[in-house]
Amino acid sequence: MLKAKYYPKHNVMEAKLGSNASFLWRSFIWGKELLEKGVRWRVGDGRSIKVFGDPWVPGLENFKLSSRNGVDSDMFVANLMVERGVWNLSLLEQIFSEQEREAILKIPLIRTGRPDACIWNYCKNGRYEVKSGYWLAREEVREASLNHVFAPLHYWKHLWKLKVPPKMLHFLWRCSMGFIPCMEALQWKRITQTAQCFRCQQENESPVHATWSCAACVAVFERATFFSSLSSGQYPSFISFFDHAMKTVADEELQLLVILLWMNWHDRNKAYHQESTETSDRIFDNGVRLLAEWNNANIRNGTANRDSGATFTGDVES
């Protein structure tokens, strides 16, 4: 009866909500969508899995790879192998980012040519269990509540008008929404056991702590003229911190603040991956230099634009 009404020409996993859906069907669709978030392909011979669109790469969002311009959207995973059970490393490097390549290369391959299979990601044996489905549902609800961030009406309007490189605006948005992988976020995802900052080991590492209030960050900002006007505040969230900064700090100083926040986060990531980090003085000096280069580039290109009508992209290499 449900098939005849809601998905007469498709299988159940392709069914949509439709219009005037009953409560029973709405509940079913919610369960199906939850199931889709935990089901992925286990790579065998790779002949049944599409590279783009199918969920098959653990560690990536929804287990999926985003499509690429100039690359066949109907390519199968088998096309990424030079032979059965061996990845084509040169092809992977040509098509995918470093993060995507690392995730793909972690997938174990065998040479026996077993067929691809759909499995449940959250059980070691690959079989769905109600307990793990319930856990995933609770994680979805909790994550939705954590990511529900209140911002004043003027906040986004002011933020998007800041004259900084676009990638740094995007970084500010991620910090504001809690979308950077700080220790709090990693603990929520059950990737780590603790949310404590691994650098200062004094507080939980939230977005505002990782970029502003950690002792390693404070050492960078102490040289800035705006530091005293911001350091006395208590900020429960990144939005409360940056909203105060936009109201308090002058425009050019605000540009420097954004650049240093971004550079602090990158230095934090180096420390997390046990790579060599920069001194606080070096980070500050690099931030000042980057700001000068950014402003000079805008001035030069603004003159050129008036002469030629060209559009300046406002991008800066990291």
Protein backbone atom coordinates (compact mmCIF):
# COMPACT_ATOMS: atom_id res chain seq x y z
CA MET A 1 0.00 0.00 0.00
CA LEU A 2 2.83 2.45 0.89
CA LYS A 3 4.72 1.49 -2.25
CA ALA A 4 1.70 2.11 -4.45
CA LYS A 5 1.19 5.56 -2.97
CA TYR A 6 4.72 6.90 -2.35
CA TYR A 7 7.23 5.05 -4.57
CA PRO A 8 5.44 3.02 -7.25
CA LYS A 9 8.33 3.21 -9.76
CA HIS A 10 11.35 3.17 -7.40
CA ASN A 11 12.87 1.08 -4.64
CA VAL A 12 12.39 2.04 -1.02
CA MET A 13 15.80 3.77 -0.67
CA GLU A 14 14.90 6.11 -3.55
CA ALA A 15 11.53 7.06 -2.04
CA LYS A 16 10.82 10.75 -1.30
CA LEU A 17 8.59 12.45 1.24
CA GLY A 18 6.10 13.71 -1.32
CA SER A 19 3.11 15.95 -0.62
CA ASN A 20 0.39 15.39 1.98
CA ALA A 21 2.46 12.60 3.55
CA SER A 22 0.99 10.74 6.52
CA PHE A 23 2.63 10.75 9.93
CA LEU A 24 3.63 7.11 9.39
CA TRP A 25 5.35 7.92 6.10
CA ARG A 26 7.10 11.00 7.52
CA SER A 27 8.47 8.86 10.33
CA PHE A 28 9.61 6.25 7.83
CA ILE A 29 11.42 8.85 5.71
CA TRP A 30 13.21 10.19 8.79
CA GLY A 31 14.36 6.67 9.60
CA LYS A 32 15.46 6.11 6.00
CA GLU A 33 17.49 9.33 5.99
CA LEU A 34 19.14 8.29 9.24
CA LEU A 35 19.93 4.89 7.75
CA GLU A 36 21.52 6.56 4.72
CA LYS A 37 23.87 8.48 7.01
CA GLY A 38 25.30 5.24 8.36
CA VAL A 39 25.31 3.02 5.27
CA ARG A 40 28.36 2.97 3.02
CA TRP A 41 30.06 0.71 0.54
CA ARG A 42 32.84 -1.68 1.47
CA VAL A 43 35.27 -1.69 -1.45
CA GLY A 44 35.87 -5.05 -3.06
CA ASP A 45 36.56 -5.14 -6.80
CA GLY A 46 35.19 -1.58 -7.13
CA ARG A 47 32.94 -2.40 -10.08
CA SER A 48 29.66 -1.49 -8.38
CA ILE A 49 30.68 1.78 -6.66
CA LYS A 50 30.62 5.13 -8.41
CA VAL A 51 33.53 7.34 -7.38
CA PHE A 52 31.35 10.44 -7.16
CA GLY A 53 27.97 10.23 -5.50
CA ASP A 54 28.17 6.87 -3.76
CA PRO A 55 29.17 6.70 -0.07
CA TRP A 56 32.39 4.69 0.16
CA VAL A 57 35.18 6.77 1.79
CA PRO A 58 35.27 6.58 5.62
CA GLY A 59 36.42 9.84 7.19
CA LEU A 60 34.70 12.13 4.67
CA GLU A 61 31.36 13.86 5.18
CA ASN A 62 28.58 11.41 4.24
CA PHE A 63 31.40 9.12 3.03
CA LYS A 64 31.19 10.88 -0.35
CA LEU A 65 33.62 12.58 -2.71
CA SER A 66 32.59 15.79 -4.45
CA SER A 67 32.55 15.75 -8.25
CA ARG A 68 35.35 17.30 -10.31
CA ASN A 69 35.16 19.35 -13.49
CA GLY A 70 36.65 17.44 -16.39
CA VAL A 71 36.39 14.08 -14.61
CA ASP A 72 33.83 11.46 -15.67
CA SER A 73 31.00 11.61 -13.12
CA ASP A 74 30.15 7.96 -13.88
CA MET A 75 33.65 6.69 -13.08
CA PHE A 76 33.76 3.55 -10.94
CA VAL A 77 36.15 2.85 -8.08
CA ALA A 78 37.66 0.04 -10.13
CA ASN A 79 38.97 2.72 -12.51
CA LEU A 80 41.13 4.06 -9.65
CA MET A 81 43.09 0.81 -9.44
CA VAL A 82 46.02 -0.23 -11.62
CA GLU A 83 45.22 -3.83 -10.86
CA ARG A 84 43.04 -5.75 -8.48
CA GLY A 85 43.78 -4.62 -4.93
CA VAL A 86 46.26 -1.84 -5.87
CA TRP A 87 45.44 1.88 -6.02
CA ASN A 88 46.62 3.99 -8.96
CA LEU A 89 48.61 6.51 -6.91
CA SER A 90 49.37 8.88 -9.78
CA LEU A 91 45.68 9.05 -10.74
CA LEU A 92 44.63 9.67 -7.13
CA GLU A 93 47.14 12.51 -6.89
CA GLN A 94 45.89 13.97 -10.16
CA ILE A 95 42.20 14.01 -9.19
CA PHE A 96 41.87 14.36 -5.42
CA SER A 97 42.99 16.67 -2.63
CA GLU A 98 45.53 15.53 -0.06
CA GLN A 99 42.82 14.94 2.55
CA GLU A 100 40.77 12.85 0.13
CA ARG A 101 43.79 10.83 -0.99
CA GLU A 102 44.74 10.04 2.59
CA ALA A 103 41.20 8.85 3.32
CA ILE A 104 41.10 6.67 0.19
CA LEU A 105 44.52 5.12 0.86
CA LYS A 106 43.35 4.05 4.34
CA ILE A 107 40.73 1.79 2.75
CA PRO A 108 42.04 -1.80 2.84
CA LEU A 109 42.05 -3.64 -0.47
CA ILE A 110 42.37 -7.36 -1.11
CA ARG A 111 43.47 -9.14 -4.26
CA THR A 112 40.83 -11.88 -4.18
CA GLY A 113 38.33 -9.74 -6.09
CA ARG A 114 35.45 -10.01 -3.66
CA PRO A 115 32.38 -8.03 -4.78
CA ASP A 116 31.54 -4.65 -3.30
CA ALA A 117 29.06 -4.71 -0.43
CA CYS A 118 26.89 -2.23 1.47
CA ILE A 119 27.65 -2.19 5.20
CA TRP A 120 26.62 -0.28 8.32
CA ASN A 121 29.54 1.96 9.23
CA TYR A 122 28.89 2.09 12.97
CA CYS A 123 29.25 -1.61 13.73
CA LYS A 124 32.51 -3.51 13.37
CA ASN A 125 30.82 -6.44 11.65
CA GLY A 126 29.08 -4.10 9.17
CA ARG A 127 25.61 -5.23 10.21
CA TYR A 128 22.98 -2.78 11.41
CA GLU A 129 22.04 -2.94 15.08
CA VAL A 130 19.23 -0.99 16.71
CA LYS A 131 21.61 0.16 19.46
CA SER A 132 23.97 1.81 17.00
CA GLY A 133 21.07 3.34 15.06
CA TYR A 134 19.72 4.83 18.28
CA TRP A 135 23.18 6.21 19.12
CA LEU A 136 23.44 7.87 15.68
CA ALA A 137 19.97 9.39 16.07
CA ARG A 138 20.93 10.88 19.44
CA GLU A 139 24.14 12.27 17.94
CA GLU A 140 22.13 13.94 15.18
CA VAL A 141 19.84 15.61 17.71
CA ARG A 142 22.71 16.68 19.96
CA GLU A 143 24.76 18.06 17.07
CA ALA A 144 21.77 20.03 15.84
CA SER A 145 21.37 21.61 19.28
CA LEU A 146 25.09 22.39 19.55
CA ASN A 147 25.17 24.05 16.14
CA HIS A 148 22.15 26.22 16.86
CA VAL A 149 24.09 29.44 17.36
CA PHE A 150 22.41 32.76 18.06
CA ALA A 151 23.95 35.82 16.43
CA PRO A 152 22.70 39.41 16.62
CA LEU A 153 20.99 40.66 13.46
CA HIS A 154 23.87 42.99 12.63
CA TYR A 155 26.56 40.34 13.18
CA TRP A 156 26.56 38.63 9.78
CA LYS A 157 25.99 41.86 7.88
CA HIS A 158 29.06 43.44 9.44
CA LEU A 159 31.17 40.29 9.19
CA TRP A 160 30.65 39.75 5.44
CA LYS A 161 31.66 43.36 4.75
CA LEU A 162 35.10 42.99 6.35
CA LYS A 163 37.95 43.74 3.95
CA VAL A 164 39.97 40.57 4.41
CA PRO A 165 40.76 37.63 2.07
CA PRO A 166 37.62 35.57 1.28
CA LYS A 167 39.08 32.40 2.80
CA MET A 168 39.38 34.24 6.11
CA LEU A 169 35.75 35.34 5.95
CA HIS A 170 34.86 31.71 5.44
CA PHE A 171 37.05 30.83 8.42
CA LEU A 172 35.18 33.38 10.58
CA TRP A 173 31.89 31.83 9.53
CA ARG A 174 33.13 28.35 10.47
CA CYS A 175 34.33 29.59 13.87
CA SER A 176 31.02 31.35 14.48
CA MET A 177 29.01 28.24 13.64
CA GLY A 178 31.29 25.89 15.56
CA PHE A 179 32.40 24.13 12.38
CA ILE A 180 36.15 23.95 13.05
CA PRO A 181 37.58 20.66 14.39
CA CYS A 182 38.66 21.93 17.81
CA MET A 183 38.89 19.48 20.70
CA GLU A 184 35.31 20.17 21.84
CA ALA A 185 34.00 19.28 18.38
CA LEU A 186 36.21 16.18 18.19
CA GLN A 187 34.92 14.99 21.55
CA TRP A 188 31.31 15.51 20.42
CA LYS A 189 32.12 13.32 17.42
CA ARG A 190 33.71 10.72 19.75
CA ILE A 191 37.00 11.07 17.92
CA THR A 192 38.82 12.04 21.11
CA GLN A 193 38.21 11.24 24.77
CA THR A 194 38.71 14.78 26.06
CA ALA A 195 37.89 18.34 25.03
CA GLN A 196 40.85 19.80 26.93
CA CYS A 197 43.22 22.05 24.99
CA PHE A 198 46.36 20.04 24.26
CA ARG A 199 48.53 23.18 24.21
CA CYS A 200 47.77 24.98 27.47
CA GLN A 201 45.96 22.05 29.17
CA GLN A 202 43.96 24.60 31.17
CA GLU A 203 40.56 24.83 29.49
CA ASN A 204 38.42 23.04 26.94
CA GLU A 205 39.38 23.94 23.41
CA SER A 206 36.42 25.77 21.88
CA PRO A 207 36.67 27.90 18.69
CA VAL A 208 37.27 31.07 20.73
CA HIS A 209 39.86 29.34 22.92
CA ALA A 210 41.72 27.79 19.98
CA THR A 211 42.06 31.12 18.17
CA TRP A 212 42.04 33.81 20.88
CA SER A 213 42.25 32.91 24.58
CA CYS A 214 44.70 29.98 24.67
CA ALA A 215 48.03 31.02 26.21
CA ALA A 216 49.73 30.31 22.88
CA CYS A 217 47.34 32.76 21.16
CA VAL A 218 47.58 35.40 23.87
CA ALA A 219 51.36 35.49 23.36
CA VAL A 220 50.69 36.49 19.74
CA PHE A 221 48.06 39.14 20.49
CA GLU A 222 49.92 40.86 23.35
CA ARG A 223 51.84 42.95 20.82
CA ALA A 224 48.66 44.23 19.18
CA THR A 225 47.35 47.67 20.15
CA PHE A 226 43.79 46.29 20.37
CA PHE A 227 44.70 43.55 22.86
CA SER A 228 43.95 45.54 26.01
CA SER A 229 40.47 46.48 24.80
CA LEU A 230 39.52 42.82 24.22
CA SER A 231 41.52 40.88 26.83
CA SER A 232 39.38 41.84 29.82
CA GLY A 233 36.18 40.33 28.44
CA GLN A 234 34.72 36.90 29.13
CA TYR A 235 33.43 35.26 25.97
CA PRO A 236 31.21 32.16 26.17
CA SER A 237 31.28 31.76 22.39
CA PHE A 238 33.18 32.91 19.33
CA ILE A 239 30.20 35.02 18.26
CA SER A 240 30.17 36.94 21.56
CA PHE A 241 33.92 37.55 21.22
CA PHE A 242 33.93 38.68 17.61
CA ASP A 243 30.75 40.72 17.94
CA HIS A 244 32.46 42.67 20.73
CA ALA A 245 35.58 43.03 18.58
CA MET A 246 33.64 44.45 15.63
CA LYS A 247 32.09 47.05 17.94
CA THR A 248 35.34 47.95 19.70
CA VAL A 249 38.28 47.63 17.32
CA ALA A 250 39.10 50.05 14.49
CA ASP A 251 38.79 48.77 10.91
CA GLU A 252 42.49 48.24 10.11
CA GLU A 253 43.12 46.69 13.52
CA LEU A 254 40.11 44.44 12.95
CA GLN A 255 41.72 43.26 9.71
CA LEU A 256 44.87 42.34 11.64
CA LEU A 257 42.79 40.57 14.29
CA VAL A 258 41.13 38.38 11.65
CA ILE A 259 44.46 37.51 10.03
CA LEU A 260 46.02 36.60 13.38
CA LEU A 261 43.01 34.47 14.37
CA TRP A 262 43.40 32.58 11.10
CA MET A 263 47.18 32.21 11.55
CA ASN A 264 46.76 31.05 15.15
CA TRP A 265 44.41 28.31 13.98
CA HIS A 266 46.89 27.13 11.34
CA ASP A 267 49.71 27.10 13.90
CA ARG A 268 47.45 25.17 16.27
CA ASN A 269 46.92 22.56 13.56
CA LYS A 270 50.68 22.22 13.10
CA ALA A 271 51.01 21.55 16.82
CA TYR A 272 48.15 19.02 16.70
CA HIS A 273 49.88 17.09 13.91
CA GLN A 274 53.22 17.37 15.74
CA GLU A 275 54.80 19.57 13.11
CA SER A 276 57.18 22.44 13.84
CA THR A 277 55.33 25.59 14.91
CA GLU A 278 56.15 29.30 14.67
CA THR A 279 57.11 31.57 17.56
CA SER A 280 54.51 34.10 18.69
CA ASP A 281 56.67 36.96 17.38
CA ARG A 282 56.98 35.27 13.99
CA ILE A 283 53.22 34.75 13.74
CA PHE A 284 52.54 38.39 14.64
CA ASP A 285 55.14 39.72 12.18
CA ASN A 286 53.80 37.49 9.40
CA GLY A 287 50.30 38.75 10.14
CA VAL A 288 51.39 42.38 9.86
CA ARG A 289 53.22 41.61 6.61
CA LEU A 290 50.24 39.76 5.16
CA LEU A 291 47.92 42.64 6.01
CA ALA A 292 50.24 45.13 4.29
CA GLU A 293 50.48 42.93 1.19
CA TRP A 294 46.71 42.49 1.10
CA ASN A 295 46.00 46.21 1.36
CA ASN A 296 48.69 47.08 -1.22
CA ALA A 297 47.26 44.50 -3.62
CA ASN A 298 43.80 46.01 -3.24
CA ILE A 299 45.16 49.50 -3.91
CA ARG A 300 47.11 48.40 -7.01
CA ASN A 301 44.24 46.36 -8.40
CA GLY A 302 41.73 49.06 -7.61
CA THR A 303 43.71 51.44 -9.84
CA ALA A 304 43.99 48.82 -12.56
CA ASN A 305 40.28 48.09 -12.35
CA ARG A 306 39.40 51.73 -12.93
CA ASP A 307 41.64 51.76 -16.01
CA SER A 308 40.66 48.39 -17.50
CA GLY A 309 37.30 47.51 -15.98
CA ALA A 310 38.74 44.25 -14.62
CA THR A 311 37.47 42.69 -11.40
CA PHE A 312 39.84 41.99 -8.54
CA THR A 313 39.29 38.58 -6.98
CA GLY A 314 40.73 39.53 -3.59
CA ASP A 315 42.49 36.21 -3.00
CA VAL A 316 45.69 35.62 -1.09
CA GLU A 317 47.77 32.46 -1.13
CA SER A 318 48.30 30.77 2.23
